[in-house]
Amino acid sequence: MKYYVISGIDKTRRPRLENQFIINNVDLSNVNWILYPNRDEITQSLYDKIIIHGVSLSCKMNIHHTQLRLGQISCTYKHYLALHLCTFKTPTF
């Protein structure tokens, strides 16, 4: 079984979770850490690649880039990366 852990800038999280994985007999080689990008690492180039402006497909609301904070973008994109890894098994990004 593979595990996907989304984490940010908290430096204490990884050692704490690794300890819990070991206690629960989880092979650490089966743990994928998604650490990038954090809000301060979102460049204009990445922003332009991952932000689509217009009407949301899920809620039909008009999305303006000014409504999205970098922390929201970072969190959502990390979840996308985790789902991508679960679905396609290999990173293509």
PDB file of N, CA and C in Angstrom:
ATOM      1  N   MET A   1       0.839  -1.164   0.000  1.00  0.00           N
ATOM      2  CA  MET A   1       0.000   0.000   0.000  1.00  0.00           C
ATOM      3  C   MET A   1       0.892   1.238   0.000  1.00  0.00           C
ATOM      4  N   LYS A   2       0.488   2.229  -0.759  1.00  0.00           N
ATOM      5  CA  LYS A   2       1.205   3.505  -0.827  1.00  0.00           C
ATOM      6  C   LYS A   2       0.481   4.538   0.030  1.00  0.00           C
ATOM      7  N   TYR A   3       1.258   5.438   0.588  1.00  0.00           N
ATOM      8  CA  TYR A   3       0.730   6.516   1.403  1.00  0.00           C
ATOM      9  C   TYR A   3       1.206   7.837   0.809  1.00  0.00           C
ATOM     10  N   TYR A   4       0.333   8.815   0.813  1.00  0.00           N
ATOM     11  CA  TYR A   4       0.642  10.129   0.278  1.00  0.00           C
ATOM     12  C   TYR A   4       0.396  11.145   1.377  1.00  0.00           C
ATOM     13  N   VAL A   5       1.448  11.817   1.791  1.00  0.00           N
ATOM     14  CA  VAL A   5       1.355  12.785   2.879  1.00  0.00           C
ATOM     15  C   VAL A   5       1.601  14.183   2.322  1.00  0.00           C
ATOM     16  N   ILE A   6       0.612  15.029   2.505  1.00  0.00           N
ATOM     17  CA  ILE A   6       0.726  16.419   2.088  1.00  0.00           C
ATOM     18  C   ILE A   6       1.197  17.208   3.292  1.00  0.00           C
ATOM     19  N   SER A   7       2.276  17.924   3.112  1.00  0.00           N
ATOM     20  CA  SER A   7       2.825  18.678   4.223  1.00  0.00           C
ATOM     21  C   SER A   7       3.288  20.040   3.746  1.00  0.00           C
ATOM     22  N   GLY A   8       3.517  20.897   4.703  1.00  0.00           N
ATOM     23  CA  GLY A   8       3.921  22.261   4.381  1.00  0.00           C
ATOM     24  C   GLY A   8       5.208  22.628   5.073  1.00  0.00           C
ATOM     25  N   ILE A   9       5.201  23.765   5.724  1.00  0.00           N
ATOM     26  CA  ILE A   9       6.434  24.312   6.273  1.00  0.00           C
ATOM     27  C   ILE A   9       6.732  23.860   7.700  1.00  0.00           C
ATOM     28  N   ASP A  10       5.829  23.132   8.325  1.00  0.00           N
ATOM     29  CA  ASP A  10       6.042  22.658   9.696  1.00  0.00           C
ATOM     30  C   ASP A  10       7.127  21.578   9.703  1.00  0.00           C
ATOM     31  N   LYS A  11       8.297  21.925  10.195  1.00  0.00           N
ATOM     32  CA  LYS A  11       9.455  21.016  10.188  1.00  0.00           C
ATOM     33  C   LYS A  11       9.299  19.871  11.187  1.00  0.00           C
ATOM     34  N   THR A  12       8.372  19.973  12.127  1.00  0.00           N
ATOM     35  CA  THR A  12       8.192  18.905  13.115  1.00  0.00           C
ATOM     36  C   THR A  12       7.240  17.819  12.625  1.00  0.00           C
ATOM     37  N   ARG A  13       6.501  18.087  11.570  1.00  0.00           N
ATOM     38  CA  ARG A  13       5.479  17.140  11.097  1.00  0.00           C
ATOM     39  C   ARG A  13       6.090  15.845  10.552  1.00  0.00           C
ATOM     40  N   ARG A  14       7.089  15.943   9.692  1.00  0.00           N
ATOM     41  CA  ARG A  14       7.636  14.742   9.067  1.00  0.00           C
ATOM     42  C   ARG A  14       8.232  13.769  10.087  1.00  0.00           C
ATOM     43  N   PRO A  15       9.113  14.224  10.991  1.00  0.00           N
ATOM     44  CA  PRO A  15       9.645  13.270  11.972  1.00  0.00           C
ATOM     45  C   PRO A  15       8.551  12.643  12.847  1.00  0.00           C
ATOM     46  N   ARG A  16       7.561  13.450  13.218  1.00  0.00           N
ATOM     47  CA  ARG A  16       6.458  12.940  14.039  1.00  0.00           C
ATOM     48  C   ARG A  16       5.669  11.866  13.289  1.00  0.00           C
ATOM     49  N   LEU A  17       5.348  12.131  12.017  1.00  0.00           N
ATOM     50  CA  LEU A  17       4.590  11.160  11.232  1.00  0.00           C
ATOM     51  C   LEU A  17       5.426   9.927  10.898  1.00  0.00           C
ATOM     52  N   GLU A  18       6.704  10.122  10.588  1.00  0.00           N
ATOM     53  CA  GLU A  18       7.566   8.963  10.326  1.00  0.00           C
ATOM     54  C   GLU A  18       7.625   8.053  11.550  1.00  0.00           C
ATOM     55  N   ASN A  19       7.706   8.647  12.729  1.00  0.00           N
ATOM     56  CA  ASN A  19       7.693   7.859  13.962  1.00  0.00           C
ATOM     57  C   ASN A  19       6.398   7.061  14.081  1.00  0.00           C
ATOM     58  N   GLN A  20       5.286   7.671  13.767  1.00  0.00           N
ATOM     59  CA  GLN A  20       4.001   6.969  13.818  1.00  0.00           C
ATOM     60  C   GLN A  20       3.925   5.859  12.765  1.00  0.00           C
ATOM     61  N   PHE A  21       4.461   6.109  11.581  1.00  0.00           N
ATOM     62  CA  PHE A  21       4.499   5.059  10.560  1.00  0.00           C
ATOM     63  C   PHE A  21       5.314   3.864  11.047  1.00  0.00           C
ATOM     64  N   ILE A  22       6.462   4.130  11.642  1.00  0.00           N
ATOM     65  CA  ILE A  22       7.317   3.048  12.149  1.00  0.00           C
ATOM     66  C   ILE A  22       6.599   2.269  13.243  1.00  0.00           C
ATOM     67  N   ILE A  23       5.983   2.978  14.178  1.00  0.00           N
ATOM     68  CA  ILE A  23       5.240   2.322  15.264  1.00  0.00           C
ATOM     69  C   ILE A  23       4.150   1.413  14.700  1.00  0.00           C
ATOM     70  N   ASN A  24       3.551   1.829  13.580  1.00  0.00           N
ATOM     71  CA  ASN A  24       2.447   1.070  12.984  1.00  0.00           C
ATOM     72  C   ASN A  24       2.888   0.183  11.825  1.00  0.00           C
ATOM     73  N   ASN A  25       4.188  -0.108  11.782  1.00  0.00           N
ATOM     74  CA  ASN A  25       4.758  -1.041  10.803  1.00  0.00           C
ATOM     75  C   ASN A  25       4.508  -0.656   9.346  1.00  0.00           C
ATOM     76  N   VAL A  26       4.574   0.627   9.061  1.00  0.00           N
ATOM     77  CA  VAL A  26       4.464   1.099   7.685  1.00  0.00           C
ATOM     78  C   VAL A  26       5.876   1.273   7.145  1.00  0.00           C
ATOM     79  N   ASP A  27       6.135   0.623   6.021  1.00  0.00           N
ATOM     80  CA  ASP A  27       7.429   0.739   5.359  1.00  0.00           C
ATOM     81  C   ASP A  27       7.573   2.168   4.816  1.00  0.00           C
ATOM     82  N   LEU A  28       8.581   2.888   5.285  1.00  0.00           N
ATOM     83  CA  LEU A  28       8.746   4.291   4.883  1.00  0.00           C
ATOM     84  C   LEU A  28       9.014   4.460   3.392  1.00  0.00           C
ATOM     85  N   SER A  29       9.445   3.408   2.730  1.00  0.00           N
ATOM     86  CA  SER A  29       9.645   3.511   1.276  1.00  0.00           C
ATOM     87  C   SER A  29       8.314   3.564   0.531  1.00  0.00           C
ATOM     88  N   ASN A  30       7.216   3.268   1.224  1.00  0.00           N
ATOM     89  CA  ASN A  30       5.885   3.356   0.631  1.00  0.00           C
ATOM     90  C   ASN A  30       5.191   4.678   0.923  1.00  0.00           C
ATOM     91  N   VAL A  31       5.916   5.599   1.533  1.00  0.00           N
ATOM     92  CA  VAL A  31       5.351   6.898   1.881  1.00  0.00           C
ATOM     93  C   VAL A  31       5.882   7.948   0.908  1.00  0.00           C
ATOM     94  N   ASN A  32       4.974   8.615   0.233  1.00  0.00           N
ATOM     95  CA  ASN A  32       5.323   9.702  -0.687  1.00  0.00           C
ATOM     96  C   ASN A  32       4.989  11.027  -0.016  1.00  0.00           C
ATOM     97  N   TRP A  33       6.001  11.862   0.113  1.00  0.00           N
ATOM     98  CA  TRP A  33       5.830  13.170   0.745  1.00  0.00           C
ATOM     99  C   TRP A  33       5.631  14.230  -0.328  1.00  0.00           C
ATOM    100  N   ILE A  34       4.542  14.949  -0.231  1.00  0.00           N
ATOM    101  CA  ILE A  34       4.270  16.038  -1.162  1.00  0.00           C
ATOM    102  C   ILE A  34       4.519  17.325  -0.392  1.00  0.00           C
ATOM    103  N   LEU A  35       5.675  17.903  -0.638  1.00  0.00           N
ATOM    104  CA  LEU A  35       6.148  19.047   0.133  1.00  0.00           C
ATOM    105  C   LEU A  35       6.154  20.349  -0.651  1.00  0.00           C
ATOM    106  N   TYR A  36       5.945  20.275  -1.938  1.00  0.00           N
ATOM    107  CA  TYR A  36       6.055  21.431  -2.824  1.00  0.00           C
ATOM    108  C   TYR A  36       4.783  21.550  -3.639  1.00  0.00           C
ATOM    109  N   PRO A  37       4.334  22.721  -3.931  1.00  0.00           N
ATOM    110  CA  PRO A  37       4.852  24.026  -3.547  1.00  0.00           C
ATOM    111  C   PRO A  37       4.131  24.547  -2.312  1.00  0.00           C
ATOM    112  N   ASN A  38       4.849  25.264  -1.498  1.00  0.00           N
ATOM    113  CA  ASN A  38       4.233  26.025  -0.419  1.00  0.00           C
ATOM    114  C   ASN A  38       3.894  27.398  -0.972  1.00  0.00           C
ATOM    115  N   ARG A  39       3.085  28.140  -0.240  1.00  0.00           N
ATOM    116  CA  ARG A  39       2.593  29.419  -0.791  1.00  0.00           C
ATOM    117  C   ARG A  39       3.710  30.366  -1.191  1.00  0.00           C
ATOM    118  N   ASP A  40       4.832  30.331  -0.474  1.00  0.00           N
ATOM    119  CA  ASP A  40       5.928  31.232  -0.817  1.00  0.00           C
ATOM    120  C   ASP A  40       6.789  30.701  -1.961  1.00  0.00           C
ATOM    121  N   GLU A  41       6.459  29.520  -2.473  1.00  0.00           N
ATOM    122  CA  GLU A  41       7.206  28.920  -3.581  1.00  0.00           C
ATOM    123  C   GLU A  41       6.439  28.950  -4.902  1.00  0.00           C
ATOM    124  N   ILE A  42       5.261  29.537  -4.894  1.00  0.00           N
ATOM    125  CA  ILE A  42       4.470  29.617  -6.121  1.00  0.00           C
ATOM    126  C   ILE A  42       4.980  30.787  -6.950  1.00  0.00           C
ATOM    127  N   THR A  43       5.643  30.454  -8.036  1.00  0.00           N
ATOM    128  CA  THR A  43       6.178  31.473  -8.931  1.00  0.00           C
ATOM    129  C   THR A  43       5.078  31.941  -9.884  1.00  0.00           C
ATOM    130  N   GLN A  44       5.327  33.018 -10.549  1.00  0.00           N
ATOM    131  CA  GLN A  44       4.355  33.502 -11.535  1.00  0.00           C
ATOM    132  C   GLN A  44       4.177  32.472 -12.645  1.00  0.00           C
ATOM    133  N   SER A  45       5.254  31.817 -13.039  1.00  0.00           N
ATOM    134  CA  SER A  45       5.186  30.801 -14.089  1.00  0.00           C
ATOM    135  C   SER A  45       4.288  29.631 -13.667  1.00  0.00           C
ATOM    136  N   LEU A  46       4.468  29.131 -12.444  1.00  0.00           N
ATOM    137  CA  LEU A  46       3.623  28.035 -11.950  1.00  0.00           C
ATOM    138  C   LEU A  46       2.184  28.512 -11.820  1.00  0.00           C
ATOM    139  N   TYR A  47       1.994  29.686 -11.275  1.00  0.00           N
ATOM    140  CA  TYR A  47       0.656  30.262 -11.126  1.00  0.00           C
ATOM    141  C   TYR A  47      -0.071  30.290 -12.472  1.00  0.00           C
ATOM    142  N   ASP A  48       0.614  30.770 -13.497  1.00  0.00           N
ATOM    143  CA  ASP A  48       0.006  30.866 -14.830  1.00  0.00           C
ATOM    144  C   ASP A  48      -0.333  29.498 -15.407  1.00  0.00           C
ATOM    145  N   LYS A  49       0.418  28.469 -15.030  1.00  0.00           N
ATOM    146  CA  LYS A  49       0.167  27.122 -15.549  1.00  0.00           C
ATOM    147  C   LYS A  49      -1.009  26.433 -14.869  1.00  0.00           C
ATOM    148  N   ILE A  50      -1.227  26.722 -13.585  1.00  0.00           N
ATOM    149  CA  ILE A  50      -2.229  25.940 -12.846  1.00  0.00           C
ATOM    150  C   ILE A  50      -3.533  26.676 -12.568  1.00  0.00           C
ATOM    151  N   ILE A  51      -3.575  27.966 -12.795  1.00  0.00           N
ATOM    152  CA  ILE A  51      -4.795  28.728 -12.539  1.00  0.00           C
ATOM    153  C   ILE A  51      -5.544  28.935 -13.855  1.00  0.00           C
ATOM    154  N   ILE A  52      -6.779  28.497 -13.867  1.00  0.00           N
ATOM    155  CA  ILE A  52      -7.644  28.686 -15.024  1.00  0.00           C
ATOM    156  C   ILE A  52      -8.725  29.677 -14.620  1.00  0.00           C
ATOM    157  N   HIS A  53      -8.858  30.739 -15.357  1.00  0.00           N
ATOM    158  CA  HIS A  53      -9.840  31.762 -15.043  1.00  0.00           C
ATOM    159  C   HIS A  53     -11.124  31.472 -15.801  1.00  0.00           C
ATOM    160  N   GLY A  54     -12.235  31.803 -15.189  1.00  0.00           N
ATOM    161  CA  GLY A  54     -13.516  31.620 -15.846  1.00  0.00           C
ATOM    162  C   GLY A  54     -14.517  30.992 -14.897  1.00  0.00           C
ATOM    163  N   VAL A  55     -15.455  30.267 -15.433  1.00  0.00           N
ATOM    164  CA  VAL A  55     -16.531  29.676 -14.646  1.00  0.00           C
ATOM    165  C   VAL A  55     -16.087  28.313 -14.112  1.00  0.00           C
ATOM    166  N   SER A  56     -16.290  28.113 -12.822  1.00  0.00           N
ATOM    167  CA  SER A  56     -15.964  26.841 -12.184  1.00  0.00           C
ATOM    168  C   SER A  56     -16.849  25.734 -12.741  1.00  0.00           C
ATOM    169  N   LEU A  57     -16.248  24.590 -13.033  1.00  0.00           N
ATOM    170  CA  LEU A  57     -17.026  23.457 -13.536  1.00  0.00           C
ATOM    171  C   LEU A  57     -17.862  22.811 -12.443  1.00  0.00           C
ATOM    172  N   SER A  58     -17.428  22.939 -11.185  1.00  0.00           N
ATOM    173  CA  SER A  58     -18.147  22.278 -10.103  1.00  0.00           C
ATOM    174  C   SER A  58     -19.276  23.121  -9.509  1.00  0.00           C
ATOM    175  N   CYS A  59     -19.052  24.418  -9.330  1.00  0.00           N
ATOM    176  CA  CYS A  59     -20.078  25.240  -8.670  1.00  0.00           C
ATOM    177  C   CYS A  59     -20.666  26.314  -9.587  1.00  0.00           C
ATOM    178  N   LYS A  60     -20.179  26.382 -10.810  1.00  0.00           N
ATOM    179  CA  LYS A  60     -20.675  27.323 -11.826  1.00  0.00           C
ATOM    180  C   LYS A  60     -20.469  28.786 -11.462  1.00  0.00           C
ATOM    181  N   MET A  61     -19.607  29.051 -10.477  1.00  0.00           N
ATOM    182  CA  MET A  61     -19.306  30.430 -10.105  1.00  0.00           C
ATOM    183  C   MET A  61     -18.176  30.956 -10.970  1.00  0.00           C
ATOM    184  N   ASN A  62     -18.204  32.248 -11.222  1.00  0.00           N
ATOM    185  CA  ASN A  62     -17.122  32.873 -11.968  1.00  0.00           C
ATOM    186  C   ASN A  62     -15.937  33.062 -11.018  1.00  0.00           C
ATOM    187  N   ILE A  63     -14.798  32.499 -11.388  1.00  0.00           N
ATOM    188  CA  ILE A  63     -13.604  32.559 -10.546  1.00  0.00           C
ATOM    189  C   ILE A  63     -12.676  33.649 -11.060  1.00  0.00           C
ATOM    190  N   HIS A  64     -12.315  34.543 -10.171  1.00  0.00           N
ATOM    191  CA  HIS A  64     -11.357  35.591 -10.492  1.00  0.00           C
ATOM    192  C   HIS A  64     -10.073  35.286  -9.748  1.00  0.00           C
ATOM    193  N   HIS A  65      -8.957  35.489 -10.386  1.00  0.00           N
ATOM    194  CA  HIS A  65      -7.678  35.180  -9.759  1.00  0.00           C
ATOM    195  C   HIS A  65      -7.471  35.954  -8.464  1.00  0.00           C
ATOM    196  N   THR A  66      -8.096  37.078  -8.317  1.00  0.00           N
ATOM    197  CA  THR A  66      -7.922  37.866  -7.096  1.00  0.00           C
ATOM    198  C   THR A  66      -8.620  37.218  -5.904  1.00  0.00           C
ATOM    199  N   GLN A  67      -9.519  36.282  -6.144  1.00  0.00           N
ATOM    200  CA  GLN A  67     -10.230  35.597  -5.066  1.00  0.00           C
ATOM    201  C   GLN A  67      -9.399  34.466  -4.468  1.00  0.00           C
ATOM    202  N   LEU A  68      -8.365  34.047  -5.146  1.00  0.00           N
ATOM    203  CA  LEU A  68      -7.570  32.902  -4.713  1.00  0.00           C
ATOM    204  C   LEU A  68      -6.310  33.354  -3.992  1.00  0.00           C
ATOM    205  N   ARG A  69      -6.160  32.898  -2.759  1.00  0.00           N
ATOM    206  CA  ARG A  69      -4.942  33.212  -2.013  1.00  0.00           C
ATOM    207  C   ARG A  69      -3.893  32.143  -2.314  1.00  0.00           C
ATOM    208  N   LEU A  70      -2.629  32.497  -2.190  1.00  0.00           N
ATOM    209  CA  LEU A  70      -1.549  31.569  -2.519  1.00  0.00           C
ATOM    210  C   LEU A  70      -1.592  30.312  -1.646  1.00  0.00           C
ATOM    211  N   GLY A  71      -2.001  30.437  -0.397  1.00  0.00           N
ATOM    212  CA  GLY A  71      -2.135  29.267   0.467  1.00  0.00           C
ATOM    213  C   GLY A  71      -3.205  28.308  -0.038  1.00  0.00           C
ATOM    214  N   GLN A  72      -4.307  28.844  -0.533  1.00  0.00           N
ATOM    215  CA  GLN A  72      -5.370  28.008  -1.103  1.00  0.00           C
ATOM    216  C   GLN A  72      -4.880  27.291  -2.361  1.00  0.00           C
ATOM    217  N   ILE A  73      -4.158  28.033  -3.181  1.00  0.00           N
ATOM    218  CA  ILE A  73      -3.634  27.449  -4.414  1.00  0.00           C
ATOM    219  C   ILE A  73      -2.652  26.329  -4.084  1.00  0.00           C
ATOM    220  N   SER A  74      -1.765  26.575  -3.149  1.00  0.00           N
ATOM    221  CA  SER A  74      -0.766  25.596  -2.747  1.00  0.00           C
ATOM    222  C   SER A  74      -1.425  24.318  -2.239  1.00  0.00           C
ATOM    223  N   CYS A  75      -2.368  24.463  -1.330  1.00  0.00           N
ATOM    224  CA  CYS A  75      -3.050  23.306  -0.740  1.00  0.00           C
ATOM    225  C   CYS A  75      -3.806  22.502  -1.801  1.00  0.00           C
ATOM    226  N   THR A  76      -4.552  23.195  -2.634  1.00  0.00           N
ATOM    227  CA  THR A  76      -5.333  22.526  -3.675  1.00  0.00           C
ATOM    228  C   THR A  76      -4.421  21.818  -4.674  1.00  0.00           C
ATOM    229  N   TYR A  77      -3.338  22.464  -5.057  1.00  0.00           N
ATOM    230  CA  TYR A  77      -2.420  21.870  -6.021  1.00  0.00           C
ATOM    231  C   TYR A  77      -1.735  20.634  -5.441  1.00  0.00           C
ATOM    232  N   LYS A  78      -1.363  20.673  -4.169  1.00  0.00           N
ATOM    233  CA  LYS A  78      -0.764  19.490  -3.538  1.00  0.00           C
ATOM    234  C   LYS A  78      -1.754  18.325  -3.527  1.00  0.00           C
ATOM    235  N   HIS A  79      -3.018  18.604  -3.280  1.00  0.00           N
ATOM    236  CA  HIS A  79      -4.027  17.537  -3.331  1.00  0.00           C
ATOM    237  C   HIS A  79      -4.151  16.984  -4.755  1.00  0.00           C
ATOM    238  N   TYR A  80      -4.120  17.861  -5.731  1.00  0.00           N
ATOM    239  CA  TYR A  80      -4.136  17.411  -7.125  1.00  0.00           C
ATOM    240  C   TYR A  80      -2.945  16.492  -7.405  1.00  0.00           C
ATOM    241  N   LEU A  81      -1.750  16.883  -6.943  1.00  0.00           N
ATOM    242  CA  LEU A  81      -0.562  16.064  -7.177  1.00  0.00           C
ATOM    243  C   LEU A  81      -0.700  14.695  -6.523  1.00  0.00           C
ATOM    244  N   ALA A  82      -1.256  14.657  -5.322  1.00  0.00           N
ATOM    245  CA  ALA A  82      -1.465  13.372  -4.641  1.00  0.00           C
ATOM    246  C   ALA A  82      -2.433  12.491  -5.440  1.00  0.00           C
ATOM    247  N   LEU A  83      -3.520  13.068  -5.902  1.00  0.00           N
ATOM    248  CA  LEU A  83      -4.482  12.296  -6.705  1.00  0.00           C
ATOM    249  C   LEU A  83      -3.862  11.834  -8.016  1.00  0.00           C
ATOM    250  N   HIS A  84      -3.042  12.679  -8.605  1.00  0.00           N
ATOM    251  CA  HIS A  84      -2.354  12.311  -9.841  1.00  0.00           C
ATOM    252  C   HIS A  84      -1.438  11.103  -9.601  1.00  0.00           C
ATOM    253  N   LEU A  85      -0.688  11.153  -8.516  1.00  0.00           N
ATOM    254  CA  LEU A  85       0.195  10.026  -8.185  1.00  0.00           C
ATOM    255  C   LEU A  85      -0.598   8.751  -7.917  1.00  0.00           C
ATOM    256  N   CYS A  86      -1.714   8.866  -7.212  1.00  0.00           N
ATOM    257  CA  CYS A  86      -2.564   7.689  -6.936  1.00  0.00           C
ATOM    258  C   CYS A  86      -3.114   7.089  -8.224  1.00  0.00           C
ATOM    259  N   THR A  87      -3.480   7.955  -9.148  1.00  0.00           N
ATOM    260  CA  THR A  87      -4.124   7.500 -10.382  1.00  0.00           C
ATOM    261  C   THR A  87      -3.122   6.968 -11.406  1.00  0.00           C
ATOM    262  N   PHE A  88      -2.040   7.687 -11.613  1.00  0.00           N
ATOM    263  CA  PHE A  88      -1.114   7.339 -12.678  1.00  0.00           C
ATOM    264  C   PHE A  88       0.146   6.646 -12.214  1.00  0.00           C
ATOM    265  N   LYS A  89       0.344   6.575 -10.900  1.00  0.00           N
ATOM    266  CA  LYS A  89       1.455   5.831 -10.276  1.00  0.00           C
ATOM    267  C   LYS A  89       2.837   6.418 -10.506  1.00  0.00           C
ATOM    268  N   THR A  90       2.983   7.334 -11.425  1.00  0.00           N
ATOM    269  CA  THR A  90       4.297   7.929 -11.661  1.00  0.00           C
ATOM    270  C   THR A  90       4.139   9.433 -11.781  1.00  0.00           C
ATOM    271  N   PRO A  91       5.084  10.159 -11.252  1.00  0.00           N
ATOM    272  CA  PRO A  91       5.012  11.617 -11.404  1.00  0.00           C
ATOM    273  C   PRO A  91       5.354  12.039 -12.825  1.00  0.00           C
ATOM    274  N   THR A  92       4.519  12.887 -13.396  1.00  0.00           N
ATOM    275  CA  THR A  92       4.790  13.405 -14.733  1.00  0.00           C
ATOM    276  C   THR A  92       4.892  14.917 -14.690  1.00  0.00           C
ATOM    277  N   PHE A  93       5.126  15.461 -13.532  1.00  0.00           N
ATOM    278  CA  PHE A  93       5.190  16.913 -13.377  1.00  0.00           C
ATOM    279  C   PHE A  93       6.554  17.301 -12.889  1.00  0.00           C
TER     280      PHE A  93
END
